[in-house]
Amino acid sequence: MYQDRIVLTSEEILNKVFKIDTRGYRPQEVDRFLDTIIKDYEEMNAIIRELDQDKKDLLEDNIRLKQEIRNLKTKIDVITEESNSGASGANADLLRRISNLEKIIYGKE
């Protein structure tokens, strides 16, 4: 993904051979090469900053989504309890009615 933004590989840096002039290496060639290395390192640092920000954003999203899941589970539990307690109340009401009908039919008090 970021490979097109980095010009040099570590192997290219390691294997770079400068032509030797009568007074040593050609300063312009060395300067150009070092400029490329500097740009690569600056780009690498920019990539690292971008990735750190992406990581931070993803962690925040993850925390927010986990909290949302907890809230939804709580709501589901509350709704389930309400529907169960409503059903229990309806069952209790039905049992009272049946009990009253038995008393009327069988004459028990």
PDB file of N, CA and C in Angstrom:
ATOM      1  N   MET A   1       0.826  -1.184   0.000  1.00  0.00           N
ATOM      2  CA  MET A   1       0.000   0.000   0.000  1.00  0.00           C
ATOM      3  C   MET A   1       0.875   1.254   0.000  1.00  0.00           C
ATOM      4  N   TYR A   2       1.905   1.268   0.822  1.00  0.00           N
ATOM      5  CA  TYR A   2       2.777   2.435   0.897  1.00  0.00           C
ATOM      6  C   TYR A   2       4.070   2.237   0.107  1.00  0.00           C
ATOM      7  N   GLN A   3       4.191   1.087  -0.564  1.00  0.00           N
ATOM      8  CA  GLN A   3       5.443   0.777  -1.265  1.00  0.00           C
ATOM      9  C   GLN A   3       5.753   1.799  -2.361  1.00  0.00           C
ATOM     10  N   ASP A   4       4.731   2.358  -2.998  1.00  0.00           N
ATOM     11  CA  ASP A   4       4.986   3.322  -4.070  1.00  0.00           C
ATOM     12  C   ASP A   4       5.472   4.663  -3.524  1.00  0.00           C
ATOM     13  N   ARG A   5       5.378   4.881  -2.226  1.00  0.00           N
ATOM     14  CA  ARG A   5       5.823   6.137  -1.633  1.00  0.00           C
ATOM     15  C   ARG A   5       7.278   6.079  -1.172  1.00  0.00           C
ATOM     16  N   ILE A   6       7.842   4.893  -1.029  1.00  0.00           N
ATOM     17  CA  ILE A   6       9.225   4.734  -0.592  1.00  0.00           C
ATOM     18  C   ILE A   6      10.071   4.415  -1.825  1.00  0.00           C
ATOM     19  N   VAL A   7      11.095   5.207  -2.042  1.00  0.00           N
ATOM     20  CA  VAL A   7      11.923   5.063  -3.236  1.00  0.00           C
ATOM     21  C   VAL A   7      12.974   3.972  -3.063  1.00  0.00           C
ATOM     22  N   LEU A   8      13.641   3.937  -1.915  1.00  0.00           N
ATOM     23  CA  LEU A   8      14.755   3.019  -1.709  1.00  0.00           C
ATOM     24  C   LEU A   8      14.397   1.903  -0.747  1.00  0.00           C
ATOM     25  N   THR A   9      14.952   0.727  -1.031  1.00  0.00           N
ATOM     26  CA  THR A   9      14.852  -0.367  -0.072  1.00  0.00           C
ATOM     27  C   THR A   9      16.139  -0.393   0.732  1.00  0.00           C
ATOM     28  N   SER A  10      16.110  -1.080   1.857  1.00  0.00           N
ATOM     29  CA  SER A  10      17.322  -1.147   2.672  1.00  0.00           C
ATOM     30  C   SER A  10      18.435  -1.854   1.911  1.00  0.00           C
ATOM     31  N   GLU A  11      18.067  -2.793   1.058  1.00  0.00           N
ATOM     32  CA  GLU A  11      19.078  -3.501   0.257  1.00  0.00           C
ATOM     33  C   GLU A  11      19.736  -2.564  -0.756  1.00  0.00           C
ATOM     34  N   GLU A  12      18.945  -1.668  -1.352  1.00  0.00           N
ATOM     35  CA  GLU A  12      19.521  -0.707  -2.291  1.00  0.00           C
ATOM     36  C   GLU A  12      20.493   0.237  -1.587  1.00  0.00           C
ATOM     37  N   ILE A  13      20.153   0.650  -0.395  1.00  0.00           N
ATOM     38  CA  ILE A  13      21.050   1.519   0.367  1.00  0.00           C
ATOM     39  C   ILE A  13      22.327   0.770   0.708  1.00  0.00           C
ATOM     40  N   LEU A  14      22.175  -0.479   1.148  1.00  0.00           N
ATOM     41  CA  LEU A  14      23.327  -1.283   1.530  1.00  0.00           C
ATOM     42  C   LEU A  14      24.257  -1.537   0.336  1.00  0.00           C
ATOM     43  N   ASN A  15      23.670  -1.794  -0.833  1.00  0.00           N
ATOM     44  CA  ASN A  15      24.471  -2.177  -2.008  1.00  0.00           C
ATOM     45  C   ASN A  15      24.887  -1.001  -2.869  1.00  0.00           C
ATOM     46  N   LYS A  16      24.566   0.219  -2.484  1.00  0.00           N
ATOM     47  CA  LYS A  16      24.927   1.383  -3.282  1.00  0.00           C
ATOM     48  C   LYS A  16      26.443   1.529  -3.340  1.00  0.00           C
ATOM     49  N   VAL A  17      26.955   1.648  -4.563  1.00  0.00           N
ATOM     50  CA  VAL A  17      28.391   1.832  -4.781  1.00  0.00           C
ATOM     51  C   VAL A  17      28.584   3.179  -5.471  1.00  0.00           C
ATOM     52  N   PHE A  18      29.380   4.033  -4.840  1.00  0.00           N
ATOM     53  CA  PHE A  18      29.672   5.334  -5.423  1.00  0.00           C
ATOM     54  C   PHE A  18      30.930   5.222  -6.273  1.00  0.00           C
ATOM     55  N   LYS A  19      30.907   5.944  -7.381  1.00  0.00           N
ATOM     56  CA  LYS A  19      32.090   5.961  -8.243  1.00  0.00           C
ATOM     57  C   LYS A  19      33.164   6.806  -7.565  1.00  0.00           C
ATOM     58  N   ILE A  20      34.373   6.311  -7.647  1.00  0.00           N
ATOM     59  CA  ILE A  20      35.484   6.998  -6.992  1.00  0.00           C
ATOM     60  C   ILE A  20      36.132   7.947  -7.991  1.00  0.00           C
ATOM     61  N   ASP A  21      36.282   9.161  -7.567  1.00  0.00           N
ATOM     62  CA  ASP A  21      36.931  10.198  -8.353  1.00  0.00           C
ATOM     63  C   ASP A  21      38.417  10.220  -7.980  1.00  0.00           C
ATOM     64  N   THR A  22      39.147  11.069  -8.578  1.00  0.00           N
ATOM     65  CA  THR A  22      40.559  11.174  -8.227  1.00  0.00           C
ATOM     66  C   THR A  22      40.740  11.638  -6.787  1.00  0.00           C
ATOM     67  N   ARG A  23      39.777  12.393  -6.297  1.00  0.00           N
ATOM     68  CA  ARG A  23      39.853  12.887  -4.915  1.00  0.00           C
ATOM     69  C   ARG A  23      38.908  12.126  -3.993  1.00  0.00           C
ATOM     70  N   GLY A  24      38.347  11.018  -4.442  1.00  0.00           N
ATOM     71  CA  GLY A  24      37.424  10.241  -3.614  1.00  0.00           C
ATOM     72  C   GLY A  24      36.059  10.149  -4.284  1.00  0.00           C
ATOM     73  N   TYR A  25      35.043   9.993  -3.484  1.00  0.00           N
ATOM     74  CA  TYR A  25      33.680   9.892  -4.016  1.00  0.00           C
ATOM     75  C   TYR A  25      33.250  11.225  -4.595  1.00  0.00           C
ATOM     76  N   ARG A  26      32.348  11.156  -5.573  1.00  0.00           N
ATOM     77  CA  ARG A  26      31.818  12.389  -6.155  1.00  0.00           C
ATOM     78  C   ARG A  26      30.821  13.000  -5.169  1.00  0.00           C
ATOM     79  N   PRO A  27      31.109  14.160  -4.671  1.00  0.00           N
ATOM     80  CA  PRO A  27      30.236  14.773  -3.652  1.00  0.00           C
ATOM     81  C   PRO A  27      28.796  14.979  -4.127  1.00  0.00           C
ATOM     82  N   GLN A  28      28.629  15.358  -5.397  1.00  0.00           N
ATOM     83  CA  GLN A  28      27.270  15.591  -5.896  1.00  0.00           C
ATOM     84  C   GLN A  28      26.457  14.288  -5.892  1.00  0.00           C
ATOM     85  N   GLU A  29      27.091  13.186  -6.254  1.00  0.00           N
ATOM     86  CA  GLU A  29      26.409  11.891  -6.281  1.00  0.00           C
ATOM     87  C   GLU A  29      26.034  11.457  -4.863  1.00  0.00           C
ATOM     88  N   VAL A  30      26.953  11.634  -3.930  1.00  0.00           N
ATOM     89  CA  VAL A  30      26.682  11.275  -2.543  1.00  0.00           C
ATOM     90  C   VAL A  30      25.568  12.163  -1.981  1.00  0.00           C
ATOM     91  N   ASP A  31      25.619  13.455  -2.275  1.00  0.00           N
ATOM     92  CA  ASP A  31      24.582  14.375  -1.791  1.00  0.00           C
ATOM     93  C   ASP A  31      23.202  14.005  -2.340  1.00  0.00           C
ATOM     94  N   ARG A  32      23.141  13.683  -3.641  1.00  0.00           N
ATOM     95  CA  ARG A  32      21.852  13.292  -4.238  1.00  0.00           C
ATOM     96  C   ARG A  32      21.308  12.027  -3.568  1.00  0.00           C
ATOM     97  N   PHE A  33      22.199  11.072  -3.339  1.00  0.00           N
ATOM     98  CA  PHE A  33      21.778   9.823  -2.712  1.00  0.00           C
ATOM     99  C   PHE A  33      21.292  10.070  -1.285  1.00  0.00           C
ATOM    100  N   LEU A  34      22.024  10.866  -0.555  1.00  0.00           N
ATOM    101  CA  LEU A  34      21.616  11.174   0.811  1.00  0.00           C
ATOM    102  C   LEU A  34      20.310  11.967   0.847  1.00  0.00           C
ATOM    103  N   ASP A  35      20.109  12.842  -0.139  1.00  0.00           N
ATOM    104  CA  ASP A  35      18.839  13.572  -0.230  1.00  0.00           C
ATOM    105  C   ASP A  35      17.677  12.602  -0.424  1.00  0.00           C
ATOM    106  N   THR A  36      17.883  11.580  -1.251  1.00  0.00           N
ATOM    107  CA  THR A  36      16.842  10.570  -1.475  1.00  0.00           C
ATOM    108  C   THR A  36      16.556   9.800  -0.188  1.00  0.00           C
ATOM    109  N   ILE A  37      17.622   9.470   0.536  1.00  0.00           N
ATOM    110  CA  ILE A  37      17.449   8.765   1.814  1.00  0.00           C
ATOM    111  C   ILE A  37      16.670   9.637   2.793  1.00  0.00           C
ATOM    112  N   ILE A  38      17.001  10.891   2.855  1.00  0.00           N
ATOM    113  CA  ILE A  38      16.311  11.810   3.765  1.00  0.00           C
ATOM    114  C   ILE A  38      14.831  11.899   3.406  1.00  0.00           C
ATOM    115  N   LYS A  39      14.528  12.015   2.112  1.00  0.00           N
ATOM    116  CA  LYS A  39      13.115  12.073   1.689  1.00  0.00           C
ATOM    117  C   LYS A  39      12.388  10.786   2.075  1.00  0.00           C
ATOM    118  N   ASP A  40      13.066   9.652   1.905  1.00  0.00           N
ATOM    119  CA  ASP A  40      12.450   8.381   2.284  1.00  0.00           C
ATOM    120  C   ASP A  40      12.147   8.332   3.777  1.00  0.00           C
ATOM    121  N   TYR A  41      13.085   8.776   4.581  1.00  0.00           N
ATOM    122  CA  TYR A  41      12.856   8.755   6.018  1.00  0.00           C
ATOM    123  C   TYR A  41      11.734   9.712   6.420  1.00  0.00           C
ATOM    124  N   GLU A  42      11.673  10.867   5.776  1.00  0.00           N
ATOM    125  CA  GLU A  42      10.579  11.794   6.048  1.00  0.00           C
ATOM    126  C   GLU A  42       9.245  11.171   5.662  1.00  0.00           C
ATOM    127  N   GLU A  43       9.213  10.505   4.512  1.00  0.00           N
ATOM    128  CA  GLU A  43       7.994   9.839   4.059  1.00  0.00           C
ATOM    129  C   GLU A  43       7.621   8.702   5.006  1.00  0.00           C
ATOM    130  N   MET A  44       8.616   7.964   5.458  1.00  0.00           N
ATOM    131  CA  MET A  44       8.364   6.872   6.395  1.00  0.00           C
ATOM    132  C   MET A  44       7.771   7.417   7.694  1.00  0.00           C
ATOM    133  N   ASN A  45       8.303   8.525   8.173  1.00  0.00           N
ATOM    134  CA  ASN A  45       7.761   9.137   9.389  1.00  0.00           C
ATOM    135  C   ASN A  45       6.336   9.623   9.178  1.00  0.00           C
ATOM    136  N   ALA A  46       6.045  10.163   7.993  1.00  0.00           N
ATOM    137  CA  ALA A  46       4.677  10.593   7.691  1.00  0.00           C
ATOM    138  C   ALA A  46       3.735   9.393   7.666  1.00  0.00           C
ATOM    139  N   ILE A  47       4.183   8.289   7.087  1.00  0.00           N
ATOM    140  CA  ILE A  47       3.381   7.063   7.042  1.00  0.00           C
ATOM    141  C   ILE A  47       3.109   6.567   8.456  1.00  0.00           C
ATOM    142  N   ILE A  48       4.127   6.585   9.290  1.00  0.00           N
ATOM    143  CA  ILE A  48       3.965   6.132  10.679  1.00  0.00           C
ATOM    144  C   ILE A  48       2.946   7.007  11.403  1.00  0.00           C
ATOM    145  N   ARG A  49       3.013   8.325  11.199  1.00  0.00           N
ATOM    146  CA  ARG A  49       2.043   9.225  11.836  1.00  0.00           C
ATOM    147  C   ARG A  49       0.627   8.922  11.349  1.00  0.00           C
ATOM    148  N   GLU A  50       0.477   8.692  10.034  1.00  0.00           N
ATOM    149  CA  GLU A  50      -0.842   8.359   9.478  1.00  0.00           C
ATOM    150  C   GLU A  50      -1.371   7.061  10.087  1.00  0.00           C
ATOM    151  N   LEU A  51      -0.508   6.056  10.165  1.00  0.00           N
ATOM    152  CA  LEU A  51      -0.930   4.768  10.719  1.00  0.00           C
ATOM    153  C   LEU A  51      -1.280   4.884  12.198  1.00  0.00           C
ATOM    154  N   ASP A  52      -0.526   5.685  12.925  1.00  0.00           N
ATOM    155  CA  ASP A  52      -0.838   5.902  14.343  1.00  0.00           C
ATOM    156  C   ASP A  52      -2.204   6.570  14.501  1.00  0.00           C
ATOM    157  N   GLN A  53      -2.485   7.552  13.636  1.00  0.00           N
ATOM    158  CA  GLN A  53      -3.784   8.229  13.700  1.00  0.00           C
ATOM    159  C   GLN A  53      -4.908   7.254  13.317  1.00  0.00           C
ATOM    160  N   ASP A  54      -4.681   6.441  12.280  1.00  0.00           N
ATOM    161  CA  ASP A  54      -5.668   5.430  11.891  1.00  0.00           C
ATOM    162  C   ASP A  54      -5.920   4.457  13.041  1.00  0.00           C
ATOM    163  N   LYS A  55      -4.847   4.040  13.685  1.00  0.00           N
ATOM    164  CA  LYS A  55      -4.964   3.114  14.816  1.00  0.00           C
ATOM    165  C   LYS A  55      -5.779   3.754  15.936  1.00  0.00           C
ATOM    166  N   LYS A  56      -5.481   5.009  16.244  1.00  0.00           N
ATOM    167  CA  LYS A  56      -6.203   5.721  17.293  1.00  0.00           C
ATOM    168  C   LYS A  56      -7.691   5.817  16.939  1.00  0.00           C
ATOM    169  N   ASP A  57      -7.993   6.172  15.685  1.00  0.00           N
ATOM    170  CA  ASP A  57      -9.387   6.284  15.255  1.00  0.00           C
ATOM    171  C   ASP A  57     -10.100   4.938  15.353  1.00  0.00           C
ATOM    172  N   LEU A  58      -9.426   3.875  14.947  1.00  0.00           N
ATOM    173  CA  LEU A  58     -10.028   2.549  15.012  1.00  0.00           C
ATOM    174  C   LEU A  58     -10.275   2.101  16.448  1.00  0.00           C
ATOM    175  N   LEU A  59      -9.341   2.403  17.333  1.00  0.00           N
ATOM    176  CA  LEU A  59      -9.531   2.056  18.746  1.00  0.00           C
ATOM    177  C   LEU A  59     -10.721   2.816  19.342  1.00  0.00           C
ATOM    178  N   GLU A  60     -10.846   4.099  18.987  1.00  0.00           N
ATOM    179  CA  GLU A  60     -11.985   4.880  19.470  1.00  0.00           C
ATOM    180  C   GLU A  60     -13.295   4.311  18.928  1.00  0.00           C
ATOM    181  N   ASP A  61     -13.312   3.955  17.637  1.00  0.00           N
ATOM    182  CA  ASP A  61     -14.506   3.340  17.043  1.00  0.00           C
ATOM    183  C   ASP A  61     -14.831   2.023  17.736  1.00  0.00           C
ATOM    184  N   ASN A  62     -13.806   1.244  18.021  1.00  0.00           N
ATOM    185  CA  ASN A  62     -13.996  -0.044  18.674  1.00  0.00           C
ATOM    186  C   ASN A  62     -14.614   0.141  20.056  1.00  0.00           C
ATOM    187  N   ILE A  63     -14.102   1.084  20.818  1.00  0.00           N
ATOM    188  CA  ILE A  63     -14.635   1.362  22.154  1.00  0.00           C
ATOM    189  C   ILE A  63     -16.086   1.831  22.051  1.00  0.00           C
ATOM    190  N   ARG A  64     -16.363   2.724  21.098  1.00  0.00           N
ATOM    191  CA  ARG A  64     -17.722   3.237  20.918  1.00  0.00           C
ATOM    192  C   ARG A  64     -18.674   2.104  20.538  1.00  0.00           C
ATOM    193  N   LEU A  65     -18.258   1.236  19.632  1.00  0.00           N
ATOM    194  CA  LEU A  65     -19.114   0.130  19.207  1.00  0.00           C
ATOM    195  C   LEU A  65     -19.339  -0.881  20.334  1.00  0.00           C
ATOM    196  N   LYS A  66     -18.307  -1.146  21.128  1.00  0.00           N
ATOM    197  CA  LYS A  66     -18.480  -2.046  22.273  1.00  0.00           C
ATOM    198  C   LYS A  66     -19.480  -1.469  23.265  1.00  0.00           C
ATOM    199  N   GLN A  67     -19.407  -0.165  23.504  1.00  0.00           N
ATOM    200  CA  GLN A  67     -20.358   0.482  24.410  1.00  0.00           C
ATOM    201  C   GLN A  67     -21.770   0.400  23.837  1.00  0.00           C
ATOM    202  N   GLU A  68     -21.892   0.598  22.538  1.00  0.00           N
ATOM    203  CA  GLU A  68     -23.202   0.505  21.889  1.00  0.00           C
ATOM    204  C   GLU A  68     -23.763  -0.912  22.009  1.00  0.00           C
ATOM    205  N   ILE A  69     -22.914  -1.909  21.866  1.00  0.00           N
ATOM    206  CA  ILE A  69     -23.355  -3.305  22.027  1.00  0.00           C
ATOM    207  C   ILE A  69     -23.839  -3.536  23.456  1.00  0.00           C
ATOM    208  N   ARG A  70     -23.085  -3.028  24.440  1.00  0.00           N
ATOM    209  CA  ARG A  70     -23.503  -3.182  25.843  1.00  0.00           C
ATOM    210  C   ARG A  70     -24.869  -2.528  26.078  1.00  0.00           C
ATOM    211  N   ASN A  71     -25.038  -1.318  25.521  1.00  0.00           N
ATOM    212  CA  ASN A  71     -26.310  -0.618  25.691  1.00  0.00           C
ATOM    213  C   ASN A  71     -27.457  -1.396  25.053  1.00  0.00           C
ATOM    214  N   LEU A  72     -27.228  -1.928  23.862  1.00  0.00           N
ATOM    215  CA  LEU A  72     -28.269  -2.691  23.185  1.00  0.00           C
ATOM    216  C   LEU A  72     -28.598  -3.979  23.933  1.00  0.00           C
ATOM    217  N   LYS A  73     -27.573  -4.646  24.469  1.00  0.00           N
ATOM    218  CA  LYS A  73     -27.828  -5.861  25.258  1.00  0.00           C
ATOM    219  C   LYS A  73     -28.645  -5.526  26.496  1.00  0.00           C
ATOM    220  N   THR A  74     -28.334  -4.395  27.124  1.00  0.00           N
ATOM    221  CA  THR A  74     -29.094  -3.972  28.297  1.00  0.00           C
ATOM    222  C   THR A  74     -30.547  -3.709  27.924  1.00  0.00           C
ATOM    223  N   LYS A  75     -30.764  -3.026  26.807  1.00  0.00           N
ATOM    224  CA  LYS A  75     -32.131  -2.758  26.356  1.00  0.00           C
ATOM    225  C   LYS A  75     -32.865  -4.058  26.061  1.00  0.00           C
ATOM    226  N   ILE A  76     -32.186  -4.995  25.432  1.00  0.00           N
ATOM    227  CA  ILE A  76     -32.805  -6.294  25.133  1.00  0.00           C
ATOM    228  C   ILE A  76     -33.176  -7.002  26.428  1.00  0.00           C
ATOM    229  N   ASP A  77     -32.279  -6.973  27.415  1.00  0.00           N
ATOM    230  CA  ASP A  77     -32.566  -7.603  28.703  1.00  0.00           C
ATOM    231  C   ASP A  77     -33.770  -6.955  29.377  1.00  0.00           C
ATOM    232  N   VAL A  78     -33.849  -5.629  29.334  1.00  0.00           N
ATOM    233  CA  VAL A  78     -34.967  -4.913  29.948  1.00  0.00           C
ATOM    234  C   VAL A  78     -36.266  -5.281  29.245  1.00  0.00           C
ATOM    235  N   ILE A  79     -36.242  -5.291  27.924  1.00  0.00           N
ATOM    236  CA  ILE A  79     -37.446  -5.639  27.159  1.00  0.00           C
ATOM    237  C   ILE A  79     -37.858  -7.075  27.450  1.00  0.00           C
ATOM    238  N   THR A  80     -36.879  -7.978  27.509  1.00  0.00           N
ATOM    239  CA  THR A  80     -37.177  -9.380  27.802  1.00  0.00           C
ATOM    240  C   THR A  80     -37.782  -9.523  29.190  1.00  0.00           C
ATOM    241  N   GLU A  81     -37.219  -8.818  30.177  1.00  0.00           N
ATOM    242  CA  GLU A  81     -37.761  -8.859  31.539  1.00  0.00           C
ATOM    243  C   GLU A  81     -39.179  -8.315  31.582  1.00  0.00           C
ATOM    244  N   GLU A  82     -39.394  -7.199  30.881  1.00  0.00           N
ATOM    245  CA  GLU A  82     -40.735  -6.603  30.860  1.00  0.00           C
ATOM    246  C   GLU A  82     -41.745  -7.543  30.227  1.00  0.00           C
ATOM    247  N   SER A  83     -41.353  -8.175  29.128  1.00  0.00           N
ATOM    248  CA  SER A  83     -42.293  -9.087  28.472  1.00  0.00           C
ATOM    249  C   SER A  83     -42.524 -10.323  29.336  1.00  0.00           C
ATOM    250  N   ASN A  84     -41.479 -10.802  30.029  1.00  0.00           N
ATOM    251  CA  ASN A  84     -41.642 -11.952  30.922  1.00  0.00           C
ATOM    252  C   ASN A  84     -42.488 -11.596  32.133  1.00  0.00           C
ATOM    253  N   SER A  85     -42.255 -10.418  32.717  1.00  0.00           N
ATOM    254  CA  SER A  85     -43.050 -10.016  33.882  1.00  0.00           C
ATOM    255  C   SER A  85     -44.482  -9.754  33.458  1.00  0.00           C
ATOM    256  N   GLY A  86     -44.680  -9.232  32.277  1.00  0.00           N
ATOM    257  CA  GLY A  86     -46.030  -9.031  31.754  1.00  0.00           C
ATOM    258  C   GLY A  86     -46.720 -10.361  31.555  1.00  0.00           C
ATOM    259  N   ALA A  87     -45.998 -11.336  31.042  1.00  0.00           N
ATOM    260  CA  ALA A  87     -46.558 -12.668  30.850  1.00  0.00           C
ATOM    261  C   ALA A  87     -46.841 -13.306  32.202  1.00  0.00           C
ATOM    262  N   SER A  88     -45.958 -13.099  33.181  1.00  0.00           N
ATOM    263  CA  SER A  88     -46.176 -13.642  34.526  1.00  0.00           C
ATOM    264  C   SER A  88     -47.417 -13.023  35.144  1.00  0.00           C
ATOM    265  N   GLY A  89     -47.566 -11.726  34.973  1.00  0.00           N
ATOM    266  CA  GLY A  89     -48.753 -11.043  35.485  1.00  0.00           C
ATOM    267  C   GLY A  89     -50.014 -11.570  34.817  1.00  0.00           C
ATOM    268  N   ALA A  90     -49.951 -11.796  33.517  1.00  0.00           N
ATOM    269  CA  ALA A  90     -51.097 -12.333  32.783  1.00  0.00           C
ATOM    270  C   ALA A  90     -51.384 -13.759  33.257  1.00  0.00           C
ATOM    271  N   ASN A  91     -50.334 -14.532  33.497  1.00  0.00           N
ATOM    272  CA  ASN A  91     -50.514 -15.905  34.001  1.00  0.00           C
ATOM    273  C   ASN A  91     -51.145 -15.892  35.381  1.00  0.00           C
ATOM    274  N   ALA A  92     -50.694 -15.000  36.228  1.00  0.00           N
ATOM    275  CA  ALA A  92     -51.257 -14.904  37.580  1.00  0.00           C
ATOM    276  C   ALA A  92     -52.720 -14.515  37.498  1.00  0.00           C
ATOM    277  N   ASP A  93     -53.050 -13.588  36.596  1.00  0.00           N
ATOM    278  CA  ASP A  93     -54.434 -13.166  36.419  1.00  0.00           C
ATOM    279  C   ASP A  93     -55.299 -14.335  35.947  1.00  0.00           C
ATOM    280  N   LEU A  94     -54.765 -15.112  34.998  1.00  0.00           N
ATOM    281  CA  LEU A  94     -55.501 -16.287  34.512  1.00  0.00           C
ATOM    282  C   LEU A  94     -55.699 -17.315  35.618  1.00  0.00           C
ATOM    283  N   LEU A  95     -54.682 -17.530  36.439  1.00  0.00           N
ATOM    284  CA  LEU A  95     -54.815 -18.473  37.555  1.00  0.00           C
ATOM    285  C   LEU A  95     -55.878 -18.018  38.550  1.00  0.00           C
ATOM    286  N   ARG A  96     -55.946 -16.719  38.840  1.00  0.00           N
ATOM    287  CA  ARG A  96     -56.978 -16.195  39.738  1.00  0.00           C
ATOM    288  C   ARG A  96     -58.374 -16.425  39.158  1.00  0.00           C
ATOM    289  N   ARG A  97     -58.510 -16.168  37.870  1.00  0.00           N
ATOM    290  CA  ARG A  97     -59.808 -16.364  37.219  1.00  0.00           C
ATOM    291  C   ARG A  97     -60.230 -17.826  37.260  1.00  0.00           C
ATOM    292  N   ILE A  98     -59.278 -18.701  36.975  1.00  0.00           N
ATOM    293  CA  ILE A  98     -59.589 -20.145  37.017  1.00  0.00           C
ATOM    294  C   ILE A  98     -59.976 -20.556  38.429  1.00  0.00           C
ATOM    295  N   SER A  99     -59.227 -20.046  39.409  1.00  0.00           N
ATOM    296  CA  SER A  99     -59.527 -20.358  40.800  1.00  0.00           C
ATOM    297  C   SER A  99     -60.936 -19.884  41.165  1.00  0.00           C
ATOM    298  N   ASN A 100     -61.299 -18.682  40.747  1.00  0.00           N
ATOM    299  CA  ASN A 100     -62.641 -18.151  41.012  1.00  0.00           C
ATOM    300  C   ASN A 100     -63.711 -18.999  40.328  1.00  0.00           C
ATOM    301  N   LEU A 101     -63.447 -19.414  39.090  1.00  0.00           N
ATOM    302  CA  LEU A 101     -64.409 -20.253  38.377  1.00  0.00           C
ATOM    303  C   LEU A 101     -64.569 -21.611  39.065  1.00  0.00           C
ATOM    304  N   GLU A 102     -63.471 -22.172  39.558  1.00  0.00           N
ATOM    305  CA  GLU A 102     -63.542 -23.448  40.288  1.00  0.00           C
ATOM    306  C   GLU A 102     -64.381 -23.293  41.548  1.00  0.00           C
ATOM    307  N   LYS A 103     -64.209 -22.181  42.229  1.00  0.00           N
ATOM    308  CA  LYS A 103     -64.989 -21.941  43.444  1.00  0.00           C
ATOM    309  C   LYS A 103     -66.480 -21.875  43.108  1.00  0.00           C
ATOM    310  N   ILE A 104     -66.787 -21.194  42.006  1.00  0.00           N
ATOM    311  CA  ILE A 104     -68.178 -21.054  41.617  1.00  0.00           C
ATOM    312  C   ILE A 104     -68.749 -22.413  41.201  1.00  0.00           C
ATOM    313  N   ILE A 105     -67.981 -23.156  40.382  1.00  0.00           N
ATOM    314  CA  ILE A 105     -68.465 -24.432  39.868  1.00  0.00           C
ATOM    315  C   ILE A 105     -68.543 -25.489  40.952  1.00  0.00           C
ATOM    316  N   TYR A 106     -67.516 -25.591  41.734  1.00  0.00           N
ATOM    317  CA  TYR A 106     -67.453 -26.661  42.740  1.00  0.00           C
ATOM    318  C   TYR A 106     -67.989 -26.213  44.095  1.00  0.00           C
ATOM    319  N   GLY A 107     -68.300 -24.961  44.215  1.00  0.00           N
ATOM    320  CA  GLY A 107     -68.854 -24.447  45.455  1.00  0.00           C
ATOM    321  C   GLY A 107     -67.860 -24.384  46.589  1.00  0.00           C
ATOM    322  N   LYS A 108     -66.625 -24.342  46.287  1.00  0.00           N
ATOM    323  CA  LYS A 108     -65.598 -24.254  47.343  1.00  0.00           C
ATOM    324  C   LYS A 108     -65.293 -22.792  47.630  1.00  0.00           C
ATOM    325  N   GLU A 109     -64.995 -22.570  48.855  1.00  0.00           N
ATOM    326  CA  GLU A 109     -64.627 -21.203  49.228  1.00  0.00           C
ATOM    327  C   GLU A 109     -63.267 -21.126  49.822  1.00  0.00           C
TER     328      GLU A 109
END
